[in-house]
Structures are given as structure tokens and as C-alpha cells.
Amino acid sequence: MNENAKCPAYYNVFPELNHNEIVGFETPAEILSRLAVVILQDRYDHPRVKRRMEISEEIIKPKVKDILKVESKGESFLARFYSLVYIGDYASTYLALEYGINPTPVKVIDYLKAELAKE
């Protein structure tokens, strides 16, 4: 999302999200109410992690615009991993097009590299 759609996005992993980050879903309500949370899931996630995901969804859902859950597809670990990567890549590209943005140039990174090269 950051690179292709030029919009802010960040991630965390379970169970780490439950240590401090989940507390951040308190304020500011006007911003939280516009956020979508995407939870990437795999059928081989540990049962305790699955339970953490369920409880976290209960906590977060009333505060955000939407929670989207994406389940991996495929038999092998690699297939399941890439099924989630592809969804993210396609979603970020389509979001860029929705915003009217060309997803390929990364002008800010090019500028940063050029400025660093001056030193």
C-alpha cells in the first residue's frame, strides 16, 4: 500500500499486536473510524494465535470502519504464503489505480537516494 498506492499502511503480527499496539485502538476516534484492518490468516495458525485473532477482532471491530479477513490458499507453505502476497500486491495496485496514481514510480525514494548520494 505504501509503495504502490502511495498511502500509509503498517502491519504487525500476532501475538505481538496484543502486547501494546491493541491499546492504540482507543483514540482518535475520527481517524480510527476511517481505518480498515486486514487480518491475514492461515489454516495452520496456532490455536492460541487464532483465539487471539478472534478476541482482537471483538475489541477492534467497534472502533474501525471494517475488518477484512483473508485466508491463505494452497497446500504447501509456499503456495499459502504467496497467495497472501499476491492479494496484497493486487490490492495495492488496484487501490493506486482507484486513486488515479501510477503505482510504479517511487519518486520519494528516488529523491531520498539522490540526497543521500550527495554526502
PDB file of N, CA and C in Angstrom:
ATOM      1  N   MET A   1       0.826  -1.189   0.000  1.00  0.00           N
ATOM      2  CA  MET A   1       0.000   0.000   0.000  1.00  0.00           C
ATOM      3  C   MET A   1       0.869   1.251   0.000  1.00  0.00           C
ATOM      4  N   ASN A   2       1.882   1.235   0.854  1.00  0.00           N
ATOM      5  CA  ASN A   2       2.745   2.412   0.930  1.00  0.00           C
ATOM      6  C   ASN A   2       3.379   2.721  -0.422  1.00  0.00           C
ATOM      7  N   GLU A   3       3.991   1.723  -1.018  1.00  0.00           N
ATOM      8  CA  GLU A   3       4.744   1.969  -2.248  1.00  0.00           C
ATOM      9  C   GLU A   3       3.844   2.119  -3.464  1.00  0.00           C
ATOM     10  N   ASN A   4       2.922   1.208  -3.664  1.00  0.00           N
ATOM     11  CA  ASN A   4       2.110   1.241  -4.885  1.00  0.00           C
ATOM     12  C   ASN A   4       1.007   2.281  -4.844  1.00  0.00           C
ATOM     13  N   ALA A   5       0.235   2.315  -3.761  1.00  0.00           N
ATOM     14  CA  ALA A   5      -0.909   3.232  -3.685  1.00  0.00           C
ATOM     15  C   ALA A   5      -0.543   4.574  -3.071  1.00  0.00           C
ATOM     16  N   LYS A   6       0.699   4.693  -2.608  1.00  0.00           N
ATOM     17  CA  LYS A   6       1.202   5.946  -2.023  1.00  0.00           C
ATOM     18  C   LYS A   6       0.339   6.394  -0.848  1.00  0.00           C
ATOM     19  N   CYS A   7      -0.123   5.432  -0.056  1.00  0.00           N
ATOM     20  CA  CYS A   7      -0.929   5.755   1.125  1.00  0.00           C
ATOM     21  C   CYS A   7      -0.370   4.996   2.326  1.00  0.00           C
ATOM     22  N   PRO A   8      -0.528   5.555   3.521  1.00  0.00           N
ATOM     23  CA  PRO A   8       0.075   4.922   4.686  1.00  0.00           C
ATOM     24  C   PRO A   8      -0.582   3.588   5.037  1.00  0.00           C
ATOM     25  N   ALA A   9       0.252   2.646   5.371  1.00  0.00           N
ATOM     26  CA  ALA A   9      -0.200   1.333   5.839  1.00  0.00           C
ATOM     27  C   ALA A   9       0.910   0.781   6.719  1.00  0.00           C
ATOM     28  N   TYR A  10       0.539  -0.014   7.688  1.00  0.00           N
ATOM     29  CA  TYR A  10       1.526  -0.663   8.527  1.00  0.00           C
ATOM     30  C   TYR A  10       1.004  -2.021   8.930  1.00  0.00           C
ATOM     31  N   TYR A  11       1.871  -2.833   9.514  1.00  0.00           N
ATOM     32  CA  TYR A  11       1.453  -4.172   9.902  1.00  0.00           C
ATOM     33  C   TYR A  11       2.045  -4.535  11.252  1.00  0.00           C
ATOM     34  N   ASN A  12       1.486  -5.557  11.810  1.00  0.00           N
ATOM     35  CA  ASN A  12       2.040  -6.183  12.988  1.00  0.00           C
ATOM     36  C   ASN A  12       1.653  -7.643  12.946  1.00  0.00           C
ATOM     37  N   VAL A  13       2.194  -8.432  13.824  1.00  0.00           N
ATOM     38  CA  VAL A  13       1.914  -9.867  13.836  1.00  0.00           C
ATOM     39  C   VAL A  13       1.355 -10.267  15.201  1.00  0.00           C
ATOM     40  N   PHE A  14       0.559 -11.321  15.174  1.00  0.00           N
ATOM     41  CA  PHE A  14       0.085 -11.893  16.428  1.00  0.00           C
ATOM     42  C   PHE A  14       1.155 -12.842  16.947  1.00  0.00           C
ATOM     43  N   PRO A  15       1.458 -12.885  18.208  1.00  0.00           N
ATOM     44  CA  PRO A  15       0.772 -12.249  19.317  1.00  0.00           C
ATOM     45  C   PRO A  15       1.299 -10.858  19.668  1.00  0.00           C
ATOM     46  N   GLU A  16       2.326 -10.374  18.985  1.00  0.00           N
ATOM     47  CA  GLU A  16       2.921  -9.077  19.334  1.00  0.00           C
ATOM     48  C   GLU A  16       1.899  -7.950  19.331  1.00  0.00           C
ATOM     49  N   LEU A  17       0.970  -7.978  18.403  1.00  0.00           N
ATOM     50  CA  LEU A  17      -0.054  -6.935  18.324  1.00  0.00           C
ATOM     51  C   LEU A  17      -0.803  -6.815  19.643  1.00  0.00           C
ATOM     52  N   ASN A  18      -0.942  -7.902  20.366  1.00  0.00           N
ATOM     53  CA  ASN A  18      -1.699  -7.890  21.613  1.00  0.00           C
ATOM     54  C   ASN A  18      -0.924  -7.362  22.806  1.00  0.00           C
ATOM     55  N   HIS A  19       0.330  -7.051  22.659  1.00  0.00           N
ATOM     56  CA  HIS A  19       1.107  -6.579  23.798  1.00  0.00           C
ATOM     57  C   HIS A  19       0.913  -5.092  24.034  1.00  0.00           C
ATOM     58  N   ASN A  20       1.042  -4.275  23.040  1.00  0.00           N
ATOM     59  CA  ASN A  20       0.884  -2.824  23.206  1.00  0.00           C
ATOM     60  C   ASN A  20       0.013  -2.194  22.125  1.00  0.00           C
ATOM     61  N   GLU A  21       0.158  -2.656  20.917  1.00  0.00           N
ATOM     62  CA  GLU A  21      -0.497  -1.992  19.797  1.00  0.00           C
ATOM     63  C   GLU A  21      -2.019  -1.980  19.919  1.00  0.00           C
ATOM     64  N   ILE A  22      -2.588  -3.014  20.467  1.00  0.00           N
ATOM     65  CA  ILE A  22      -4.041  -3.087  20.559  1.00  0.00           C
ATOM     66  C   ILE A  22      -4.605  -1.951  21.410  1.00  0.00           C
ATOM     67  N   VAL A  23      -3.807  -1.441  22.327  1.00  0.00           N
ATOM     68  CA  VAL A  23      -4.237  -0.309  23.156  1.00  0.00           C
ATOM     69  C   VAL A  23      -4.405   0.946  22.305  1.00  0.00           C
ATOM     70  N   GLY A  24      -3.682   1.018  21.191  1.00  0.00           N
ATOM     71  CA  GLY A  24      -3.749   2.185  20.308  1.00  0.00           C
ATOM     72  C   GLY A  24      -5.058   2.324  19.557  1.00  0.00           C
ATOM     73  N   PHE A  25      -5.961   1.369  19.710  1.00  0.00           N
ATOM     74  CA  PHE A  25      -7.255   1.459  19.045  1.00  0.00           C
ATOM     75  C   PHE A  25      -8.283   2.157  19.932  1.00  0.00           C
ATOM     76  N   GLU A  26      -7.827   3.117  20.716  1.00  0.00           N
ATOM     77  CA  GLU A  26      -8.705   3.893  21.590  1.00  0.00           C
ATOM     78  C   GLU A  26      -9.031   5.269  20.990  1.00  0.00           C
ATOM     79  N   THR A  27      -7.999   5.967  20.562  1.00  0.00           N
ATOM     80  CA  THR A  27      -8.191   7.320  20.047  1.00  0.00           C
ATOM     81  C   THR A  27      -7.185   7.584  18.931  1.00  0.00           C
ATOM     82  N   PRO A  28      -7.378   8.537  18.087  1.00  0.00           N
ATOM     83  CA  PRO A  28      -8.534   9.425  17.937  1.00  0.00           C
ATOM     84  C   PRO A  28      -9.657   8.725  17.150  1.00  0.00           C
ATOM     85  N   ALA A  29     -10.837   8.774  17.691  1.00  0.00           N
ATOM     86  CA  ALA A  29     -11.992   8.065  17.131  1.00  0.00           C
ATOM     87  C   ALA A  29     -12.273   8.456  15.684  1.00  0.00           C
ATOM     88  N   GLU A  30     -12.081   9.738  15.350  1.00  0.00           N
ATOM     89  CA  GLU A  30     -12.397  10.186  13.987  1.00  0.00           C
ATOM     90  C   GLU A  30     -11.469   9.555  12.947  1.00  0.00           C
ATOM     91  N   ILE A  31     -10.261   9.255  13.326  1.00  0.00           N
ATOM     92  CA  ILE A  31      -9.340   8.583  12.402  1.00  0.00           C
ATOM     93  C   ILE A  31      -9.592   7.082  12.411  1.00  0.00           C
ATOM     94  N   LEU A  32      -9.718   6.496  13.579  1.00  0.00           N
ATOM     95  CA  LEU A  32      -9.968   5.052  13.683  1.00  0.00           C
ATOM     96  C   LEU A  32     -11.213   4.644  12.906  1.00  0.00           C
ATOM     97  N   SER A  33     -12.235   5.482  12.941  1.00  0.00           N
ATOM     98  CA  SER A  33     -13.493   5.139  12.269  1.00  0.00           C
ATOM     99  C   SER A  33     -13.356   5.094  10.751  1.00  0.00           C
ATOM    100  N   ARG A  34     -12.222   5.530  10.234  1.00  0.00           N
ATOM    101  CA  ARG A  34     -11.985   5.502   8.786  1.00  0.00           C
ATOM    102  C   ARG A  34     -11.003   4.401   8.385  1.00  0.00           C
ATOM    103  N   LEU A  35     -10.480   3.663   9.363  1.00  0.00           N
ATOM    104  CA  LEU A  35      -9.484   2.627   9.093  1.00  0.00           C
ATOM    105  C   LEU A  35     -10.113   1.281   8.775  1.00  0.00           C
ATOM    106  N   ALA A  36      -9.440   0.541   7.910  1.00  0.00           N
ATOM    107  CA  ALA A  36      -9.777  -0.855   7.672  1.00  0.00           C
ATOM    108  C   ALA A  36      -8.604  -1.689   8.171  1.00  0.00           C
ATOM    109  N   VAL A  37      -8.911  -2.735   8.900  1.00  0.00           N
ATOM    110  CA  VAL A  37      -7.908  -3.656   9.403  1.00  0.00           C
ATOM    111  C   VAL A  37      -8.002  -4.938   8.583  1.00  0.00           C
ATOM    112  N   VAL A  38      -6.877  -5.402   8.090  1.00  0.00           N
ATOM    113  CA  VAL A  38      -6.838  -6.631   7.314  1.00  0.00           C
ATOM    114  C   VAL A  38      -6.107  -7.687   8.143  1.00  0.00           C
ATOM    115  N   ILE A  39      -6.769  -8.804   8.358  1.00  0.00           N
ATOM    116  CA  ILE A  39      -6.164  -9.901   9.110  1.00  0.00           C
ATOM    117  C   ILE A  39      -5.879 -11.034   8.133  1.00  0.00           C
ATOM    118  N   LEU A  40      -4.599 -11.363   8.010  1.00  0.00           N
ATOM    119  CA  LEU A  40      -4.185 -12.465   7.140  1.00  0.00           C
ATOM    120  C   LEU A  40      -4.164 -13.742   7.977  1.00  0.00           C
ATOM    121  N   GLN A  41      -4.843 -14.762   7.479  1.00  0.00           N
ATOM    122  CA  GLN A  41      -4.975 -15.998   8.243  1.00  0.00           C
ATOM    123  C   GLN A  41      -4.500 -17.198   7.436  1.00  0.00           C
ATOM    124  N   ASP A  42      -4.077 -18.219   8.175  1.00  0.00           N
ATOM    125  CA  ASP A  42      -3.653 -19.473   7.571  1.00  0.00           C
ATOM    126  C   ASP A  42      -4.242 -20.615   8.393  1.00  0.00           C
ATOM    127  N   ARG A  43      -4.672 -21.655   7.745  1.00  0.00           N
ATOM    128  CA  ARG A  43      -5.302 -22.762   8.469  1.00  0.00           C
ATOM    129  C   ARG A  43      -4.356 -23.414   9.471  1.00  0.00           C
ATOM    130  N   TYR A  44      -3.051 -23.201   9.317  1.00  0.00           N
ATOM    131  CA  TYR A  44      -2.082 -23.768  10.242  1.00  0.00           C
ATOM    132  C   TYR A  44      -1.645 -22.790  11.329  1.00  0.00           C
ATOM    133  N   ASP A  45      -2.324 -21.652  11.445  1.00  0.00           N
ATOM    134  CA  ASP A  45      -2.025 -20.758  12.562  1.00  0.00           C
ATOM    135  C   ASP A  45      -2.244 -21.530  13.859  1.00  0.00           C
ATOM    136  N   HIS A  46      -1.410 -21.273  14.833  1.00  0.00           N
ATOM    137  CA  HIS A  46      -1.528 -21.934  16.134  1.00  0.00           C
ATOM    138  C   HIS A  46      -2.896 -21.628  16.746  1.00  0.00           C
ATOM    139  N   PRO A  47      -3.525 -22.594  17.404  1.00  0.00           N
ATOM    140  CA  PRO A  47      -4.852 -22.362  18.007  1.00  0.00           C
ATOM    141  C   PRO A  47      -4.901 -21.162  18.950  1.00  0.00           C
ATOM    142  N   ARG A  48      -3.838 -20.926  19.710  1.00  0.00           N
ATOM    143  CA  ARG A  48      -3.826 -19.758  20.609  1.00  0.00           C
ATOM    144  C   ARG A  48      -3.767 -18.452  19.805  1.00  0.00           C
ATOM    145  N   VAL A  49      -3.049 -18.468  18.701  1.00  0.00           N
ATOM    146  CA  VAL A  49      -2.982 -17.283  17.840  1.00  0.00           C
ATOM    147  C   VAL A  49      -4.351 -17.050  17.206  1.00  0.00           C
ATOM    148  N   LYS A  50      -5.018 -18.114  16.781  1.00  0.00           N
ATOM    149  CA  LYS A  50      -6.369 -17.977  16.220  1.00  0.00           C
ATOM    150  C   LYS A  50      -7.308 -17.357  17.251  1.00  0.00           C
ATOM    151  N   ARG A  51      -7.186 -17.789  18.497  1.00  0.00           N
ATOM    152  CA  ARG A  51      -8.041 -17.225  19.550  1.00  0.00           C
ATOM    153  C   ARG A  51      -7.711 -15.754  19.779  1.00  0.00           C
ATOM    154  N   ARG A  52      -6.437 -15.410  19.732  1.00  0.00           N
ATOM    155  CA  ARG A  52      -6.035 -14.002  19.859  1.00  0.00           C
ATOM    156  C   ARG A  52      -6.654 -13.166  18.734  1.00  0.00           C
ATOM    157  N   MET A  53      -6.664 -13.719  17.526  1.00  0.00           N
ATOM    158  CA  MET A  53      -7.262 -13.008  16.393  1.00  0.00           C
ATOM    159  C   MET A  53      -8.746 -12.756  16.640  1.00  0.00           C
ATOM    160  N   GLU A  54      -9.450 -13.765  17.139  1.00  0.00           N
ATOM    161  CA  GLU A  54     -10.881 -13.628  17.407  1.00  0.00           C
ATOM    162  C   GLU A  54     -11.159 -12.557  18.461  1.00  0.00           C
ATOM    163  N   ILE A  55     -10.426 -12.613  19.569  1.00  0.00           N
ATOM    164  CA  ILE A  55     -10.624 -11.639  20.642  1.00  0.00           C
ATOM    165  C   ILE A  55     -10.240 -10.238  20.175  1.00  0.00           C
ATOM    166  N   SER A  56      -9.134 -10.139  19.441  1.00  0.00           N
ATOM    167  CA  SER A  56      -8.703  -8.832  18.923  1.00  0.00           C
ATOM    168  C   SER A  56      -9.761  -8.249  17.999  1.00  0.00           C
ATOM    169  N   GLU A  57     -10.364  -9.080  17.172  1.00  0.00           N
ATOM    170  CA  GLU A  57     -11.426  -8.605  16.289  1.00  0.00           C
ATOM    171  C   GLU A  57     -12.593  -8.052  17.097  1.00  0.00           C
ATOM    172  N   GLU A  58     -12.962  -8.744  18.162  1.00  0.00           N
ATOM    173  CA  GLU A  58     -14.049  -8.265  19.027  1.00  0.00           C
ATOM    174  C   GLU A  58     -13.731  -6.896  19.613  1.00  0.00           C
ATOM    175  N   ILE A  59     -12.482  -6.690  19.999  1.00  0.00           N
ATOM    176  CA  ILE A  59     -12.056  -5.432  20.615  1.00  0.00           C
ATOM    177  C   ILE A  59     -12.011  -4.304  19.583  1.00  0.00           C
ATOM    178  N   ILE A  60     -11.461  -4.605  18.415  1.00  0.00           N
ATOM    179  CA  ILE A  60     -11.192  -3.577  17.417  1.00  0.00           C
ATOM    180  C   ILE A  60     -12.419  -3.231  16.575  1.00  0.00           C
ATOM    181  N   LYS A  61     -13.242  -4.198  16.273  1.00  0.00           N
ATOM    182  CA  LYS A  61     -14.340  -4.022  15.313  1.00  0.00           C
ATOM    183  C   LYS A  61     -15.229  -2.802  15.591  1.00  0.00           C
ATOM    184  N   PRO A  62     -15.635  -2.546  16.829  1.00  0.00           N
ATOM    185  CA  PRO A  62     -16.492  -1.371  17.062  1.00  0.00           C
ATOM    186  C   PRO A  62     -15.787  -0.027  16.838  1.00  0.00           C
ATOM    187  N   LYS A  63     -14.485  -0.043  16.725  1.00  0.00           N
ATOM    188  CA  LYS A  63     -13.726   1.204  16.639  1.00  0.00           C
ATOM    189  C   LYS A  63     -13.314   1.593  15.224  1.00  0.00           C
ATOM    190  N   VAL A  64     -13.282   0.605  14.303  1.00  0.00           N
ATOM    191  CA  VAL A  64     -12.783   0.855  12.958  1.00  0.00           C
ATOM    192  C   VAL A  64     -13.903   0.731  11.925  1.00  0.00           C
ATOM    193  N   LYS A  65     -13.607   1.182  10.720  1.00  0.00           N
ATOM    194  CA  LYS A  65     -14.604   1.115   9.651  1.00  0.00           C
ATOM    195  C   LYS A  65     -14.914  -0.320   9.265  1.00  0.00           C
ATOM    196  N   ASP A  66     -13.852  -1.147   9.142  1.00  0.00           N
ATOM    197  CA  ASP A  66     -14.076  -2.517   8.704  1.00  0.00           C
ATOM    198  C   ASP A  66     -12.901  -3.395   9.093  1.00  0.00           C
ATOM    199  N   ILE A  67     -13.181  -4.664   9.224  1.00  0.00           N
ATOM    200  CA  ILE A  67     -12.139  -5.666   9.399  1.00  0.00           C
ATOM    201  C   ILE A  67     -12.319  -6.671   8.274  1.00  0.00           C
ATOM    202  N   LEU A  68     -11.261  -6.858   7.519  1.00  0.00           N
ATOM    203  CA  LEU A  68     -11.273  -7.806   6.408  1.00  0.00           C
ATOM    204  C   LEU A  68     -10.368  -8.971   6.763  1.00  0.00           C
ATOM    205  N   LYS A  69     -10.871 -10.173   6.595  1.00  0.00           N
ATOM    206  CA  LYS A  69     -10.065 -11.359   6.867  1.00  0.00           C
ATOM    207  C   LYS A  69      -9.764 -12.054   5.546  1.00  0.00           C
ATOM    208  N   VAL A  70      -8.497 -12.378   5.341  1.00  0.00           N
ATOM    209  CA  VAL A  70      -8.069 -13.037   4.119  1.00  0.00           C
ATOM    210  C   VAL A  70      -7.413 -14.354   4.511  1.00  0.00           C
ATOM    211  N   GLU A  71      -7.961 -15.445   4.018  1.00  0.00           N
ATOM    212  CA  GLU A  71      -7.453 -16.786   4.304  1.00  0.00           C
ATOM    213  C   GLU A  71      -6.516 -17.218   3.177  1.00  0.00           C
ATOM    214  N   SER A  72      -5.373 -17.767   3.553  1.00  0.00           N
ATOM    215  CA  SER A  72      -4.426 -18.259   2.550  1.00  0.00           C
ATOM    216  C   SER A  72      -5.037 -19.428   1.793  1.00  0.00           C
ATOM    217  N   LYS A  73      -4.531 -19.638   0.589  1.00  0.00           N
ATOM    218  CA  LYS A  73      -4.989 -20.745  -0.268  1.00  0.00           C
ATOM    219  C   LYS A  73      -3.784 -21.576  -0.678  1.00  0.00           C
ATOM    220  N   GLY A  74      -4.000 -22.855  -0.869  1.00  0.00           N
ATOM    221  CA  GLY A  74      -2.942 -23.734  -1.352  1.00  0.00           C
ATOM    222  C   GLY A  74      -2.581 -24.805  -0.347  1.00  0.00           C
ATOM    223  N   GLU A  75      -1.796 -25.752  -0.815  1.00  0.00           N
ATOM    224  CA  GLU A  75      -1.415 -26.882   0.037  1.00  0.00           C
ATOM    225  C   GLU A  75      -0.084 -26.649   0.745  1.00  0.00           C
ATOM    226  N   SER A  76       0.927 -26.255   0.009  1.00  0.00           N
ATOM    227  CA  SER A  76       2.247 -26.083   0.616  1.00  0.00           C
ATOM    228  C   SER A  76       2.334 -24.728   1.318  1.00  0.00           C
ATOM    229  N   PHE A  77       3.298 -24.625   2.221  1.00  0.00           N
ATOM    230  CA  PHE A  77       3.518 -23.350   2.900  1.00  0.00           C
ATOM    231  C   PHE A  77       3.781 -22.241   1.895  1.00  0.00           C
ATOM    232  N   LEU A  78       4.637 -22.532   0.911  1.00  0.00           N
ATOM    233  CA  LEU A  78       4.996 -21.532  -0.092  1.00  0.00           C
ATOM    234  C   LEU A  78       3.771 -21.073  -0.885  1.00  0.00           C
ATOM    235  N   ALA A  79       2.918 -22.007  -1.269  1.00  0.00           N
ATOM    236  CA  ALA A  79       1.704 -21.652  -2.008  1.00  0.00           C
ATOM    237  C   ALA A  79       0.801 -20.763  -1.148  1.00  0.00           C
ATOM    238  N   ARG A  80       0.641 -21.122   0.124  1.00  0.00           N
ATOM    239  CA  ARG A  80      -0.215 -20.330   1.006  1.00  0.00           C
ATOM    240  C   ARG A  80       0.380 -18.951   1.248  1.00  0.00           C
ATOM    241  N   PHE A  81       1.687 -18.899   1.433  1.00  0.00           N
ATOM    242  CA  PHE A  81       2.372 -17.622   1.641  1.00  0.00           C
ATOM    243  C   PHE A  81       2.164 -16.701   0.437  1.00  0.00           C
ATOM    244  N   TYR A  82       2.435 -17.224  -0.752  1.00  0.00           N
ATOM    245  CA  TYR A  82       2.314 -16.395  -1.951  1.00  0.00           C
ATOM    246  C   TYR A  82       0.866 -16.044  -2.275  1.00  0.00           C
ATOM    247  N   SER A  83      -0.082 -16.859  -1.856  1.00  0.00           N
ATOM    248  CA  SER A  83      -1.478 -16.497  -2.091  1.00  0.00           C
ATOM    249  C   SER A  83      -1.820 -15.213  -1.343  1.00  0.00           C
ATOM    250  N   LEU A  84      -1.239 -15.018  -0.175  1.00  0.00           N
ATOM    251  CA  LEU A  84      -1.469 -13.782   0.586  1.00  0.00           C
ATOM    252  C   LEU A  84      -0.665 -12.619   0.007  1.00  0.00           C
ATOM    253  N   VAL A  85       0.559 -12.893  -0.423  1.00  0.00           N
ATOM    254  CA  VAL A  85       1.385 -11.845  -1.032  1.00  0.00           C
ATOM    255  C   VAL A  85       0.706 -11.302  -2.293  1.00  0.00           C
ATOM    256  N   TYR A  86       0.195 -12.204  -3.130  1.00  0.00           N
ATOM    257  CA  TYR A  86      -0.463 -11.773  -4.368  1.00  0.00           C
ATOM    258  C   TYR A  86      -1.684 -10.909  -4.086  1.00  0.00           C
ATOM    259  N   ILE A  87      -2.458 -11.283  -3.094  1.00  0.00           N
ATOM    260  CA  ILE A  87      -3.633 -10.476  -2.734  1.00  0.00           C
ATOM    261  C   ILE A  87      -3.197  -9.062  -2.363  1.00  0.00           C
ATOM    262  N   GLY A  88      -2.152  -8.967  -1.551  1.00  0.00           N
ATOM    263  CA  GLY A  88      -1.642  -7.649  -1.160  1.00  0.00           C
ATOM    264  C   GLY A  88      -1.129  -6.851  -2.341  1.00  0.00           C
ATOM    265  N   ASP A  89      -0.395  -7.504  -3.225  1.00  0.00           N
ATOM    266  CA  ASP A  89       0.131  -6.805  -4.402  1.00  0.00           C
ATOM    267  C   ASP A  89      -0.986  -6.305  -5.310  1.00  0.00           C
ATOM    268  N   TYR A  90      -1.941  -7.169  -5.578  1.00  0.00           N
ATOM    269  CA  TYR A  90      -3.056  -6.758  -6.435  1.00  0.00           C
ATOM    270  C   TYR A  90      -3.892  -5.670  -5.777  1.00  0.00           C
ATOM    271  N   ALA A  91      -4.169  -5.824  -4.493  1.00  0.00           N
ATOM    272  CA  ALA A  91      -4.975  -4.815  -3.792  1.00  0.00           C
ATOM    273  C   ALA A  91      -4.284  -3.454  -3.824  1.00  0.00           C
ATOM    274  N   SER A  92      -2.969  -3.424  -3.595  1.00  0.00           N
ATOM    275  CA  SER A  92      -2.263  -2.143  -3.594  1.00  0.00           C
ATOM    276  C   SER A  92      -2.225  -1.526  -4.989  1.00  0.00           C
ATOM    277  N   THR A  93      -2.101  -2.347  -6.007  1.00  0.00           N
ATOM    278  CA  THR A  93      -2.102  -1.832  -7.384  1.00  0.00           C
ATOM    279  C   THR A  93      -3.470  -1.285  -7.757  1.00  0.00           C
ATOM    280  N   TYR A  94      -4.506  -2.019  -7.448  1.00  0.00           N
ATOM    281  CA  TYR A  94      -5.859  -1.540  -7.763  1.00  0.00           C
ATOM    282  C   TYR A  94      -6.224  -0.300  -6.955  1.00  0.00           C
ATOM    283  N   LEU A  95      -5.756  -0.220  -5.716  1.00  0.00           N
ATOM    284  CA  LEU A  95      -6.017   0.980  -4.919  1.00  0.00           C
ATOM    285  C   LEU A  95      -5.324   2.186  -5.550  1.00  0.00           C
ATOM    286  N   ALA A  96      -4.108   1.992  -6.028  1.00  0.00           N
ATOM    287  CA  ALA A  96      -3.409   3.085  -6.711  1.00  0.00           C
ATOM    288  C   ALA A  96      -4.214   3.556  -7.919  1.00  0.00           C
ATOM    289  N   LEU A  97      -4.691   2.609  -8.703  1.00  0.00           N
ATOM    290  CA  LEU A  97      -5.491   2.977  -9.879  1.00  0.00           C
ATOM    291  C   LEU A  97      -6.789   3.677  -9.464  1.00  0.00           C
ATOM    292  N   GLU A  98      -7.383   3.228  -8.381  1.00  0.00           N
ATOM    293  CA  GLU A  98      -8.598   3.880  -7.858  1.00  0.00           C
ATOM    294  C   GLU A  98      -8.312   5.328  -7.465  1.00  0.00           C
ATOM    295  N   TYR A  99      -7.116   5.570  -6.917  1.00  0.00           N
ATOM    296  CA  TYR A  99      -6.703   6.921  -6.541  1.00  0.00           C
ATOM    297  C   TYR A  99      -6.230   7.739  -7.742  1.00  0.00           C
ATOM    298  N   GLY A 100      -6.121   7.101  -8.918  1.00  0.00           N
ATOM    299  CA  GLY A 100      -5.616   7.792 -10.092  1.00  0.00           C
ATOM    300  C   GLY A 100      -4.108   7.960 -10.069  1.00  0.00           C
ATOM    301  N   ILE A 101      -3.421   7.041  -9.417  1.00  0.00           N
ATOM    302  CA  ILE A 101      -1.970   7.110  -9.235  1.00  0.00           C
ATOM    303  C   ILE A 101      -1.306   5.987 -10.023  1.00  0.00           C
ATOM    304  N   ASN A 102      -0.191   6.317 -10.682  1.00  0.00           N
ATOM    305  CA  ASN A 102       0.628   5.295 -11.324  1.00  0.00           C
ATOM    306  C   ASN A 102       1.411   4.584 -10.224  1.00  0.00           C
ATOM    307  N   PRO A 103       1.222   3.273 -10.043  1.00  0.00           N
ATOM    308  CA  PRO A 103       1.874   2.585  -8.925  1.00  0.00           C
ATOM    309  C   PRO A 103       3.375   2.364  -9.085  1.00  0.00           C
ATOM    310  N   THR A 104       3.922   2.541 -10.285  1.00  0.00           N
ATOM    311  CA  THR A 104       5.322   2.167 -10.481  1.00  0.00           C
ATOM    312  C   THR A 104       6.362   3.183 -10.032  1.00  0.00           C
ATOM    313  N   PRO A 105       6.235   4.467 -10.279  1.00  0.00           N
ATOM    314  CA  PRO A 105       7.311   5.347  -9.832  1.00  0.00           C
ATOM    315  C   PRO A 105       7.321   5.487  -8.305  1.00  0.00           C
ATOM    316  N   VAL A 106       8.511   5.598  -7.774  1.00  0.00           N
ATOM    317  CA  VAL A 106       8.676   5.827  -6.335  1.00  0.00           C
ATOM    318  C   VAL A 106       9.539   7.079  -6.169  1.00  0.00           C
ATOM    319  N   LYS A 107       8.970   8.207  -6.538  1.00  0.00           N
ATOM    320  CA  LYS A 107       9.708   9.472  -6.582  1.00  0.00           C
ATOM    321  C   LYS A 107      10.325   9.847  -5.242  1.00  0.00           C
ATOM    322  N   VAL A 108       9.616   9.593  -4.154  1.00  0.00           N
ATOM    323  CA  VAL A 108      10.140   9.953  -2.835  1.00  0.00           C
ATOM    324  C   VAL A 108      11.391   9.139  -2.519  1.00  0.00           C
ATOM    325  N   ILE A 109      11.375   7.868  -2.854  1.00  0.00           N
ATOM    326  CA  ILE A 109      12.556   7.024  -2.618  1.00  0.00           C
ATOM    327  C   ILE A 109      13.700   7.450  -3.523  1.00  0.00           C
ATOM    328  N   ASP A 110      13.377   7.768  -4.778  1.00  0.00           N
ATOM    329  CA  ASP A 110      14.417   8.258  -5.697  1.00  0.00           C
ATOM    330  C   ASP A 110      15.044   9.538  -5.152  1.00  0.00           C
ATOM    331  N   TYR A 111      14.217  10.451  -4.647  1.00  0.00           N
ATOM    332  CA  TYR A 111      14.724  11.702  -4.073  1.00  0.00           C
ATOM    333  C   TYR A 111      15.606  11.414  -2.865  1.00  0.00           C
ATOM    334  N   LEU A 112      15.135  10.555  -1.989  1.00  0.00           N
ATOM    335  CA  LEU A 112      15.898  10.213  -0.780  1.00  0.00           C
ATOM    336  C   LEU A 112      17.270   9.650  -1.153  1.00  0.00           C
ATOM    337  N   LYS A 113      17.302   8.716  -2.093  1.00  0.00           N
ATOM    338  CA  LYS A 113      18.565   8.118  -2.529  1.00  0.00           C
ATOM    339  C   LYS A 113      19.492   9.167  -3.150  1.00  0.00           C
ATOM    340  N   ALA A 114      18.920  10.063  -3.945  1.00  0.00           N
ATOM    341  CA  ALA A 114      19.732  11.104  -4.573  1.00  0.00           C
ATOM    342  C   ALA A 114      20.329  12.032  -3.515  1.00  0.00           C
ATOM    343  N   GLU A 115      19.551  12.385  -2.511  1.00  0.00           N
ATOM    344  CA  GLU A 115      20.048  13.268  -1.453  1.00  0.00           C
ATOM    345  C   GLU A 115      21.133  12.567  -0.632  1.00  0.00           C
ATOM    346  N   LEU A 116      20.930  11.279  -0.355  1.00  0.00           N
ATOM    347  CA  LEU A 116      21.932  10.529   0.386  1.00  0.00           C
ATOM    348  C   LEU A 116      23.223  10.374  -0.405  1.00  0.00           C
ATOM    349  N   ALA A 117      23.113  10.294  -1.724  1.00  0.00           N
ATOM    350  CA  ALA A 117      24.303  10.133  -2.567  1.00  0.00           C
ATOM    351  C   ALA A 117      25.165  11.387  -2.568  1.00  0.00           C
ATOM    352  N   LYS A 118      24.608  12.521  -2.201  1.00  0.00           N
ATOM    353  CA  LYS A 118      25.362  13.775  -2.172  1.00  0.00           C
ATOM    354  C   LYS A 118      26.377  13.823  -1.026  1.00  0.00           C
ATOM    355  N   GLU A 119      26.174  12.997  -0.041  1.00  0.00           N
ATOM    356  CA  GLU A 119      27.058  13.058   1.153  1.00  0.00           C
ATOM    357  C   GLU A 119      28.356  12.356   0.922  1.00  0.00           C
TER     358      GLU A 119
END
